[in-house]
Amino acid sequence: MNERSPTSMAAPAGADTPLSHRITFSDAVRVWARVAALSFGGPAGQIAVMHRILVEEKRWIGENRFLHALNYCMLLPGPEAQQLAVYIGWLLHKTKGGLLAGTLFVLPGVVCIMALSVIYAVLGDVGLVRGIFFGLKAAVLAIVLEAVVRIGKRALKNNVMLAIAAVAFVAIFFVHVPFPMIVLGAAVIGFVGGRAGLQPFLVAGGHGGSHGKAVPDAETALGTGVPAHARPPLAWSLRVSAIFLLLWLGPTLALFLFLGGENVFTDIAVFFSKMAVVTFGGAYAVLAYVAQQAVETYHWLQPGEMLDGLGMAETTPGPLIMVTQFVGFMGAFRAPGALDPLVAGILGGLLTTWVTFVPCFLWIFLGAPFIEGLRGNKALSAALATITAAVVGVVLNLAVWFALHVLFREVREVSIFGIPQDVPMLDSVNVLSSLLTLAALVAVFRFKVGMIPVLAVCSAAGLALYLTVGVF
């Protein structure tokens, strides 16, 4: 077969031609490295980057297939954007493709957070770094809001899906309904609606409608069929799952046996291994618990340092949950034992990252073949699409939460009808941050400026403000 660009090689419906004949592995390396380098802005922004590159630009995967994979990843514990990368990489180039995509997706974040953690531990609160973060936060807020709009346009195909997203937002933002309950409720509603043949649920995962032209699966390199490697025997799934289960829990068990249960590295491995199976609802949903345990139980961090780590994760590529690497770094840095503090911190950060992300490969390699086999099930597709609609409301909640803490210096908790709510203090508006955010929003929405230029200009503006104003 002659080599041609993936865009010009639309596979016929049902085609099972190995994709390696059409998309080389070196092509995949370049594209996934690009996705990783641009993955700023939390899961909403990262998913939008993948959609823009893989669906709209490269046409390696179609709209329906992308949303089907995303819907499954939304159900899993852990960072859904990284799991989506593993899923799509696996569809394109088998197990090695999933390993490549998932590893490259987190690698820039690992490097950036580690470097910033070292600077933070050695130099403390560096004004220049704080100035850069100040500008980056404004850019990230604009990028996240733009991503919410992009994903919402493709997931909210009708008024029913729009209503589900709105109810999900109200439920989690005002009533504080746990995210798993929102997911479960959306799944039940979608499944029942799909089984009943109700049209709003059957078309929810379909075409772009009035929100813009979607990319049909049949016009992509992956096509509409299920690749042969996506239909592996059960023995393959069990064997691969056993390998990743050993890679995940093996180091934890070894640390417990050789260092005992009172060692900081054992504590890190055990604690974050537990986090890997309960982190439903995205990073914000679990970071409050992580912060409480890290400060009050393990004494890894001082009060307020968790927000510094969150600022690092918000403004660097990779999953937001990468902030846990900072937590693990600081914990080991402050209890190094016989090791040099910096060496202990680096090992603690890497250990945290390992037990946080290795399970993601396990969930995909174990469950993705089953989910691909059910891709034509209308009731299941309706349930998953309804979950995505609900998640749009949840992501909007995260964007609003972020805006409160970027645009205001002080946010106070008050009780409304017996329910605690975060309310900004209007006299604490951060004028400089608000103006910078407004400029970023205009650049993104009005002039369609790309993500990297917006991040670069805002970070430079934050640095300039620090050098001229000195305080924020």
Protein backbone atom coordinates (compact mmCIF):
# COMPACT_ATOMS: atom_id res chain seq x y z
CA MET A 1 0.00 0.00 0.00
CA ASN A 2 1.31 3.40 -0.91
CA GLU A 3 1.92 5.79 1.94
CA ARG A 4 -0.62 8.59 2.04
CA SER A 5 -1.69 11.08 4.69
CA PRO A 6 -4.31 9.76 7.14
CA THR A 7 -6.66 12.56 6.14
CA SER A 8 -6.81 11.30 2.57
CA MET A 9 -7.24 7.68 3.55
CA ALA A 10 -10.78 7.36 4.80
CA ALA A 11 -11.47 3.73 5.61
CA PRO A 12 -14.65 2.18 4.27
CA ALA A 13 -17.35 1.29 6.73
CA GLY A 14 -16.49 -1.87 8.58
CA ALA A 15 -12.91 -1.91 7.39
CA ASP A 16 -10.56 -3.99 9.49
CA THR A 17 -7.31 -3.16 7.67
CA PRO A 18 -4.51 -2.89 10.24
CA LEU A 19 -4.03 0.77 10.99
CA SER A 20 -0.27 0.35 11.12
CA HIS A 21 -0.45 0.13 7.32
CA ARG A 22 -1.91 3.61 7.17
CA ILE A 23 -0.66 5.46 10.27
CA THR A 24 2.94 4.67 11.05
CA PHE A 25 4.12 4.40 14.62
CA SER A 26 6.52 7.28 14.04
CA ASP A 27 3.52 9.40 13.00
CA ALA A 28 1.88 8.44 16.28
CA VAL A 29 4.97 9.40 18.28
CA ARG A 30 5.04 12.87 16.73
CA VAL A 31 1.31 13.47 17.18
CA TRP A 32 1.11 12.22 20.77
CA ALA A 33 4.17 14.29 21.68
CA ARG A 34 2.37 17.32 20.26
CA VAL A 35 -0.81 16.50 22.19
CA ALA A 36 1.23 16.16 25.38
CA ALA A 37 3.02 19.48 24.85
CA LEU A 38 -0.30 21.31 24.37
CA SER A 39 -2.22 19.62 27.21
CA PHE A 40 -2.78 22.63 29.43
CA GLY A 41 -5.97 23.69 31.15
CA GLY A 42 -7.13 20.62 33.04
CA PRO A 43 -9.18 17.75 31.56
CA ALA A 44 -11.54 20.01 29.61
CA GLY A 45 -8.69 21.71 27.80
CA GLN A 46 -6.77 18.46 27.31
CA ILE A 47 -9.75 16.64 25.83
CA ALA A 48 -10.39 19.59 23.54
CA VAL A 49 -6.76 19.45 22.33
CA MET A 50 -7.07 15.74 21.55
CA HIS A 51 -10.35 16.31 19.73
CA ARG A 52 -8.95 19.14 17.66
CA ILE A 53 -5.81 17.22 16.64
CA LEU A 54 -7.01 13.62 16.37
CA VAL A 55 -10.56 14.18 15.08
CA GLU A 56 -10.66 17.51 13.27
CA GLU A 57 -7.11 17.84 11.98
CA LYS A 58 -5.69 14.33 11.50
CA ARG A 59 -9.03 12.50 11.11
CA TRP A 60 -7.59 9.42 12.72
CA ILE A 61 -10.78 8.82 14.70
CA GLY A 62 -14.38 10.00 14.17
CA GLU A 63 -16.73 12.03 16.35
CA ASN A 64 -18.91 9.15 17.55
CA ARG A 65 -15.95 6.94 18.35
CA PHE A 66 -14.17 9.73 20.21
CA LEU A 67 -17.25 10.43 22.35
CA HIS A 68 -17.81 6.71 22.97
CA ALA A 69 -14.27 6.34 24.31
CA LEU A 70 -14.59 9.54 26.34
CA ASN A 71 -17.87 8.38 27.89
CA TYR A 72 -16.21 5.18 29.11
CA CYS A 73 -13.21 7.04 30.52
CA MET A 74 -15.57 9.35 32.44
CA LEU A 75 -16.75 6.29 34.39
CA LEU A 76 -13.26 5.32 35.54
CA PRO A 77 -11.30 6.50 38.58
CA GLY A 78 -8.30 8.61 37.73
CA PRO A 79 -7.54 11.26 35.09
CA GLU A 80 -10.01 10.76 32.24
CA ALA A 81 -7.97 12.73 29.69
CA GLN A 82 -4.92 10.50 30.13
CA GLN A 83 -7.12 7.40 30.00
CA LEU A 84 -8.71 8.68 26.79
CA ALA A 85 -5.22 9.01 25.30
CA VAL A 86 -4.44 5.41 26.29
CA TYR A 87 -7.76 4.22 24.81
CA ILE A 88 -7.25 5.95 21.45
CA GLY A 89 -3.58 4.97 21.29
CA TRP A 90 -4.61 1.35 21.91
CA LEU A 91 -7.23 1.51 19.15
CA LEU A 92 -4.68 2.85 16.69
CA HIS A 93 -1.57 0.79 17.48
CA LYS A 94 -2.50 -1.98 19.88
CA THR A 95 -0.92 -2.22 23.34
CA LYS A 96 2.26 -0.37 22.36
CA GLY A 97 0.11 2.48 21.08
CA GLY A 98 -1.71 2.74 24.39
CA LEU A 99 1.56 2.70 26.30
CA LEU A 100 3.03 5.37 24.02
CA ALA A 101 0.04 7.71 24.22
CA GLY A 102 -0.48 7.35 27.96
CA THR A 103 3.20 7.76 28.82
CA LEU A 104 3.81 10.76 26.56
CA PHE A 105 0.65 12.40 27.88
CA VAL A 106 1.99 12.58 31.45
CA LEU A 107 5.71 12.95 30.72
CA PRO A 108 5.80 16.78 30.28
CA GLY A 109 3.83 17.20 33.50
CA VAL A 110 6.17 14.88 35.39
CA VAL A 111 9.21 16.90 34.27
CA CYS A 112 7.63 20.32 34.87
CA ILE A 113 6.15 19.53 38.30
CA MET A 114 9.40 17.89 39.40
CA ALA A 115 11.44 20.93 38.37
CA LEU A 116 9.03 23.32 40.06
CA SER A 117 8.95 21.14 43.19
CA VAL A 118 12.75 21.31 43.44
CA ILE A 119 12.68 25.10 43.02
CA TYR A 120 9.89 25.40 45.58
CA ALA A 121 11.65 23.20 48.14
CA VAL A 122 15.02 24.91 47.73
CA LEU A 123 14.09 28.55 47.15
CA GLY A 124 10.59 28.76 48.62
CA ASP A 125 8.19 31.45 47.38
CA VAL A 126 10.08 32.91 44.44
CA GLY A 127 8.55 36.18 43.27
CA LEU A 128 9.44 35.69 39.61
CA VAL A 129 7.79 32.27 39.56
CA ARG A 130 4.75 33.69 41.37
CA GLY A 131 4.46 36.39 38.73
CA ILE A 132 4.52 33.84 35.92
CA PHE A 133 1.89 31.73 37.69
CA PHE A 134 -0.27 34.82 38.13
CA GLY A 135 -0.39 35.37 34.38
CA LEU A 136 -0.78 31.71 33.54
CA LYS A 137 -3.83 31.33 35.77
CA ALA A 138 -5.69 33.99 33.77
CA ALA A 139 -4.81 32.21 30.52
CA VAL A 140 -5.81 28.80 31.89
CA LEU A 141 -9.20 30.14 33.00
CA ALA A 142 -9.89 31.41 29.47
CA ILE A 143 -8.72 28.14 27.92
CA VAL A 144 -10.88 26.03 30.26
CA LEU A 145 -13.96 28.12 29.47
CA GLU A 146 -13.28 27.79 25.74
CA ALA A 147 -12.91 24.03 26.17
CA VAL A 148 -16.24 23.83 28.02
CA VAL A 149 -17.89 25.58 25.08
CA ARG A 150 -16.23 23.29 22.52
CA ILE A 151 -17.12 20.07 24.30
CA GLY A 152 -20.59 21.31 25.19
CA LYS A 153 -21.36 22.07 21.55
CA ARG A 154 -20.61 18.49 20.63
CA ALA A 155 -22.15 16.73 23.63
CA LEU A 156 -25.31 18.79 24.13
CA LYS A 157 -27.14 17.99 20.92
CA ASN A 158 -30.64 18.88 22.06
CA ASN A 159 -32.60 20.47 24.90
CA VAL A 160 -32.78 17.23 26.88
CA MET A 161 -28.99 16.92 27.01
CA LEU A 162 -28.74 20.64 27.79
CA ALA A 163 -31.18 20.21 30.69
CA ILE A 164 -29.19 17.27 32.04
CA ALA A 165 -26.00 19.35 31.99
CA ALA A 166 -27.79 22.20 33.77
CA VAL A 167 -29.20 19.90 36.45
CA ALA A 168 -25.76 18.35 36.97
CA PHE A 169 -24.22 21.80 37.42
CA VAL A 170 -26.83 22.85 39.97
CA ALA A 171 -26.56 19.52 41.78
CA ILE A 172 -22.80 19.62 42.24
CA PHE A 173 -22.25 23.38 42.59
CA PHE A 174 -25.16 24.37 44.84
CA VAL A 175 -26.31 21.12 46.44
CA HIS A 176 -22.90 19.37 46.59
CA VAL A 177 -24.26 16.06 45.30
CA PRO A 178 -21.33 13.60 45.04
CA PHE A 179 -20.05 13.15 41.50
CA PRO A 180 -20.56 9.34 41.46
CA MET A 181 -24.25 9.91 42.23
CA ILE A 182 -24.51 12.33 39.30
CA VAL A 183 -22.84 9.79 37.01
CA LEU A 184 -25.11 6.99 38.22
CA GLY A 185 -28.25 9.09 37.80
CA ALA A 186 -27.25 10.17 34.29
CA ALA A 187 -26.42 6.60 33.32
CA VAL A 188 -29.82 5.31 34.49
CA ILE A 189 -31.69 8.11 32.72
CA GLY A 190 -29.76 7.59 29.49
CA PHE A 191 -30.07 3.80 29.57
CA VAL A 192 -33.81 3.92 30.17
CA GLY A 193 -34.24 6.59 27.49
CA GLY A 194 -32.20 4.57 25.01
CA ARG A 195 -34.08 1.34 25.72
CA ALA A 196 -37.36 3.20 25.29
CA GLY A 197 -36.21 4.51 21.92
CA LEU A 198 -36.56 8.18 22.87
CA GLN A 199 -34.96 10.24 20.10
CA PRO A 200 -33.10 12.81 22.26
CA PHE A 201 -31.09 9.99 23.82
CA LEU A 202 -30.50 8.08 20.60
CA VAL A 203 -29.00 11.06 18.80
CA ALA A 204 -27.05 12.40 21.79
CA GLY A 205 -23.80 10.80 20.72
CA GLY A 206 -24.31 11.41 17.05
CA HIS A 207 -23.60 14.24 14.67
CA GLY A 208 -22.69 17.79 15.23
CA GLY A 209 -26.09 19.17 14.28
CA SER A 210 -26.39 22.91 14.38
CA HIS A 211 -23.22 23.27 16.39
CA GLY A 212 -20.91 22.51 13.50
CA LYS A 213 -20.01 19.67 11.17
CA ALA A 214 -18.85 16.55 12.94
CA VAL A 215 -16.32 14.15 11.45
CA PRO A 216 -18.10 10.88 10.56
CA ASP A 217 -16.34 7.70 11.64
CA ALA A 218 -16.42 6.36 8.06
CA GLU A 219 -14.28 9.28 6.85
CA THR A 220 -11.40 8.60 9.24
CA ALA A 221 -8.39 6.31 9.24
CA LEU A 222 -9.91 4.13 11.96
CA GLY A 223 -13.19 3.75 10.07
CA THR A 224 -16.33 2.29 11.58
CA GLY A 225 -15.19 -1.28 12.09
CA VAL A 226 -13.55 -2.78 15.15
CA PRO A 227 -9.85 -3.55 14.56
CA ALA A 228 -8.87 -7.16 15.08
CA HIS A 229 -6.66 -6.29 18.05
CA ALA A 230 -9.66 -4.59 19.71
CA ARG A 231 -11.35 -8.00 19.92
CA PRO A 232 -8.74 -9.92 21.92
CA PRO A 233 -9.48 -13.19 23.69
CA LEU A 234 -10.27 -13.03 27.37
CA ALA A 235 -6.91 -14.65 28.15
CA TRP A 236 -5.10 -11.61 26.66
CA SER A 237 -7.06 -9.15 28.78
CA LEU A 238 -6.42 -11.17 31.93
CA ARG A 239 -2.71 -11.55 31.17
CA VAL A 240 -2.15 -7.86 30.46
CA SER A 241 -4.25 -6.88 33.48
CA ALA A 242 -2.19 -9.17 35.71
CA ILE A 243 1.03 -7.56 34.46
CA PHE A 244 -0.19 -4.03 35.21
CA LEU A 245 -1.65 -5.09 38.54
CA LEU A 246 1.80 -6.38 39.49
CA LEU A 247 3.49 -3.21 38.22
CA TRP A 248 1.08 -1.13 40.29
CA LEU A 249 0.94 -2.98 43.59
CA GLY A 250 4.30 -4.77 43.45
CA PRO A 251 6.38 -1.73 44.50
CA THR A 252 3.90 -0.93 47.27
CA LEU A 253 4.16 -4.44 48.68
CA ALA A 254 7.97 -4.42 48.36
CA LEU A 255 8.22 -1.11 50.23
CA PHE A 256 6.00 -2.42 53.00
CA LEU A 257 8.06 -5.61 53.35
CA PHE A 258 11.51 -3.96 53.27
CA LEU A 259 10.86 -0.56 54.90
CA GLY A 260 7.91 -1.32 57.15
CA GLY A 261 4.61 0.44 57.57
CA GLU A 262 5.96 3.56 59.31
CA ASN A 263 8.20 4.76 56.48
CA VAL A 264 7.31 7.82 54.40
CA PHE A 265 7.75 5.95 51.10
CA THR A 266 5.43 3.18 52.27
CA ASP A 267 2.88 5.77 53.37
CA ILE A 268 3.08 7.49 49.98
CA ALA A 269 2.69 4.23 48.05
CA VAL A 270 -0.24 2.99 50.13
CA PHE A 271 -2.09 6.30 50.32
CA PHE A 272 -1.89 7.17 46.62
CA SER A 273 -2.64 3.59 45.59
CA LYS A 274 -5.92 3.98 47.47
CA MET A 275 -6.48 7.33 45.78
CA ALA A 276 -6.09 5.65 42.38
CA VAL A 277 -9.31 3.70 42.88
CA VAL A 278 -11.49 6.43 44.41
CA THR A 279 -10.62 9.50 42.32
CA PHE A 280 -13.99 9.77 40.57
CA GLY A 281 -15.14 13.20 39.48
CA GLY A 282 -11.83 14.70 38.49
CA ALA A 283 -8.99 16.15 40.49
CA TYR A 284 -10.95 18.84 42.35
CA ALA A 285 -13.31 16.22 43.74
CA VAL A 286 -10.49 14.39 45.52
CA LEU A 287 -7.86 17.07 46.20
CA ALA A 288 -9.69 18.41 49.24
CA TYR A 289 -9.37 14.97 50.85
CA VAL A 290 -5.75 14.63 49.73
CA ALA A 291 -4.94 18.04 51.21
CA GLN A 292 -6.59 17.19 54.51
CA GLN A 293 -4.73 13.90 54.84
CA ALA A 294 -1.40 15.34 53.68
CA VAL A 295 -1.58 18.22 56.18
CA GLU A 296 -3.37 16.79 59.21
CA THR A 297 -2.58 13.07 59.12
CA TYR A 298 0.79 12.67 57.42
CA HIS A 299 2.15 16.23 57.95
CA TRP A 300 3.70 16.23 54.47
CA LEU A 301 2.59 19.82 53.76
CA GLN A 302 1.93 23.03 55.62
CA PRO A 303 -1.52 24.66 55.33
CA GLY A 304 -1.72 26.61 52.09
CA GLU A 305 1.07 24.71 50.32
CA MET A 306 -1.49 22.51 48.59
CA LEU A 307 -2.76 25.57 46.73
CA ASP A 308 0.78 26.33 45.61
CA GLY A 309 1.02 22.82 44.22
CA LEU A 310 -2.35 23.18 42.57
CA GLY A 311 -1.11 26.37 40.92
CA MET A 312 1.82 24.41 39.51
CA ALA A 313 -0.47 21.72 38.11
CA GLU A 314 -2.94 24.24 36.68
CA THR A 315 -0.24 25.98 34.69
CA THR A 316 1.81 23.04 33.40
CA PRO A 317 0.93 20.42 30.78
CA GLY A 318 -0.56 17.13 31.86
CA PRO A 319 -3.36 15.97 34.17
CA LEU A 320 -4.31 18.23 37.06
CA ILE A 321 -4.00 15.27 39.42
CA MET A 322 -0.25 15.61 38.81
CA VAL A 323 -0.32 17.90 41.84
CA THR A 324 -0.06 14.69 43.87
CA GLN A 325 3.55 14.41 42.66
CA PHE A 326 4.26 17.69 44.45
CA VAL A 327 2.63 16.30 47.59
CA GLY A 328 4.73 13.13 47.44
CA PHE A 329 7.87 15.17 46.76
CA MET A 330 7.34 17.43 49.77
CA GLY A 331 6.46 14.50 52.03
CA ALA A 332 9.68 12.63 51.24
CA PHE A 333 11.74 15.85 51.16
CA ARG A 334 10.76 16.59 54.76
CA ALA A 335 11.30 13.02 56.01
CA PRO A 336 14.28 11.82 53.94
CA GLY A 337 15.70 9.40 56.47
CA ALA A 338 19.25 8.48 55.43
CA LEU A 339 18.83 9.99 51.97
CA ASP A 340 19.65 13.47 50.76
CA PRO A 341 16.42 15.52 51.02
CA LEU A 342 16.34 16.36 47.29
CA VAL A 343 16.99 12.74 46.31
CA ALA A 344 14.27 11.58 48.69
CA GLY A 345 11.89 14.21 47.32
CA ILE A 346 12.48 13.17 43.72
CA LEU A 347 11.99 9.49 44.60
CA GLY A 348 8.83 10.33 46.56
CA GLY A 349 7.41 12.34 43.66
CA LEU A 350 8.17 9.63 41.12
CA LEU A 351 6.68 6.95 43.39
CA THR A 352 3.50 8.99 43.72
CA THR A 353 3.24 9.38 39.95
CA TRP A 354 3.84 5.67 39.40
CA VAL A 355 1.08 4.41 41.70
CA THR A 356 -1.29 7.12 40.44
CA PHE A 357 -1.00 6.49 36.70
CA VAL A 358 -0.11 2.82 36.24
CA PRO A 359 -3.68 1.80 37.24
CA CYS A 360 -4.99 3.90 34.32
CA PHE A 361 -3.42 1.48 31.86
CA LEU A 362 -4.96 -1.40 33.78
CA TRP A 363 -8.51 0.03 33.53
CA ILE A 364 -8.19 0.62 29.77
CA PHE A 365 -6.55 -2.64 28.73
CA LEU A 366 -9.01 -4.61 30.85
CA GLY A 367 -12.23 -2.81 29.93
CA ALA A 368 -11.76 -1.17 26.53
CA PRO A 369 -12.16 -4.40 24.48
CA PHE A 370 -15.50 -5.03 26.20
CA ILE A 371 -16.65 -1.43 25.64
CA GLU A 372 -15.63 -1.54 21.96
CA GLY A 373 -17.66 -4.71 21.53
CA LEU A 374 -20.74 -2.90 22.85
CA ARG A 375 -20.25 0.22 20.73
CA GLY A 376 -23.36 -0.60 18.67
CA ASN A 377 -25.56 -1.09 21.75
CA LYS A 378 -27.99 1.82 21.57
CA ALA A 379 -29.02 1.69 25.24
CA LEU A 380 -25.41 1.65 26.45
CA SER A 381 -24.42 4.40 23.99
CA ALA A 382 -27.34 6.51 25.21
CA ALA A 383 -26.29 5.96 28.84
CA LEU A 384 -22.70 6.94 28.14
CA ALA A 385 -23.70 9.97 26.07
CA THR A 386 -26.00 11.15 28.87
CA ILE A 387 -23.13 10.81 31.31
CA THR A 388 -21.05 13.06 29.07
CA ALA A 389 -23.83 15.65 29.07
CA ALA A 390 -23.85 15.58 32.87
CA VAL A 391 -20.07 15.87 32.96
CA VAL A 392 -20.28 19.09 30.91
CA GLY A 393 -22.17 20.56 33.87
CA VAL A 394 -19.56 19.22 36.27
CA VAL A 395 -16.70 20.70 34.25
CA LEU A 396 -18.54 24.03 34.19
CA ASN A 397 -18.68 23.78 37.98
CA LEU A 398 -14.90 23.38 38.04
CA ALA A 399 -14.48 26.38 35.74
CA VAL A 400 -16.66 28.52 38.02
CA TRP A 401 -14.76 27.33 41.09
CA PHE A 402 -11.50 28.24 39.40
CA ALA A 403 -12.86 31.67 38.37
CA LEU A 404 -13.83 32.44 41.97
CA HIS A 405 -10.28 31.84 43.11
CA VAL A 406 -8.60 33.65 40.20
CA LEU A 407 -10.75 36.78 40.05
CA PHE A 408 -11.22 37.35 43.80
CA ARG A 409 -8.69 37.60 46.59
CA GLU A 410 -11.13 36.35 49.21
CA VAL A 411 -13.88 33.71 48.94
CA ARG A 412 -15.99 33.13 52.04
CA GLU A 413 -18.11 30.11 52.88
CA VAL A 414 -21.69 30.96 53.87
CA SER A 415 -24.74 28.82 54.58
CA ILE A 416 -27.67 29.13 52.17
CA PHE A 417 -30.72 27.05 53.15
CA GLY A 418 -28.41 25.02 55.33
CA ILE A 419 -26.00 24.25 52.48
CA PRO A 420 -22.48 25.75 52.55
CA GLN A 421 -21.65 27.86 49.50
CA ASP A 422 -18.49 29.65 48.38
CA VAL A 423 -19.34 33.33 47.93
CA PRO A 424 -16.80 35.84 46.60
CA MET A 425 -16.24 39.02 48.57
CA LEU A 426 -17.03 41.74 46.04
CA ASP A 427 -14.64 44.19 47.64
CA SER A 428 -11.79 41.70 47.11
CA VAL A 429 -11.89 41.72 43.31
CA ASN A 430 -8.40 41.21 41.91
CA VAL A 431 -8.42 43.97 39.29
CA LEU A 432 -5.16 42.99 37.61
CA SER A 433 -6.17 39.34 37.36
CA SER A 434 -9.62 40.29 36.07
CA LEU A 435 -8.19 42.54 33.34
CA LEU A 436 -5.69 39.91 32.29
CA THR A 437 -8.40 37.24 32.22
CA LEU A 438 -10.65 39.50 30.14
CA ALA A 439 -7.84 40.05 27.66
CA ALA A 440 -7.25 36.28 27.44
CA LEU A 441 -10.98 35.65 26.89
CA VAL A 442 -11.11 38.21 24.08
CA ALA A 443 -8.03 36.66 22.47
CA VAL A 444 -9.43 33.13 22.68
CA PHE A 445 -13.10 33.73 21.80
CA ARG A 446 -12.99 36.82 19.56
CA PHE A 447 -9.68 36.48 17.74
CA LYS A 448 -9.27 32.68 17.99
CA VAL A 449 -5.69 32.99 19.24
CA GLY A 450 -4.05 29.64 19.85
CA MET A 451 -3.42 28.15 23.26
CA ILE A 452 0.36 28.46 23.33
CA PRO A 453 0.46 32.16 22.32
CA VAL A 454 -2.16 32.99 24.96
CA LEU A 455 -0.22 31.11 27.64
CA ALA A 456 3.06 32.72 26.60
CA VAL A 457 1.72 36.28 26.49
CA CYS A 458 -0.16 35.96 29.79
CA SER A 459 2.84 34.48 31.58
CA ALA A 460 5.02 37.32 30.23
CA ALA A 461 2.38 39.83 31.37
CA GLY A 462 2.34 38.30 34.85
CA LEU A 463 6.12 38.51 35.04
CA ALA A 464 6.06 42.13 33.86
CA LEU A 465 3.43 42.99 36.48
CA TYR A 466 5.58 41.48 39.21
CA LEU A 467 8.61 43.47 38.09
CA THR A 468 6.66 46.75 37.91
CA VAL A 469 3.95 46.44 40.56
CA GLY A 470 5.60 43.92 42.81
CA VAL A 471 2.42 42.69 44.50
CA PHE A 472 -0.86 41.31 43.23
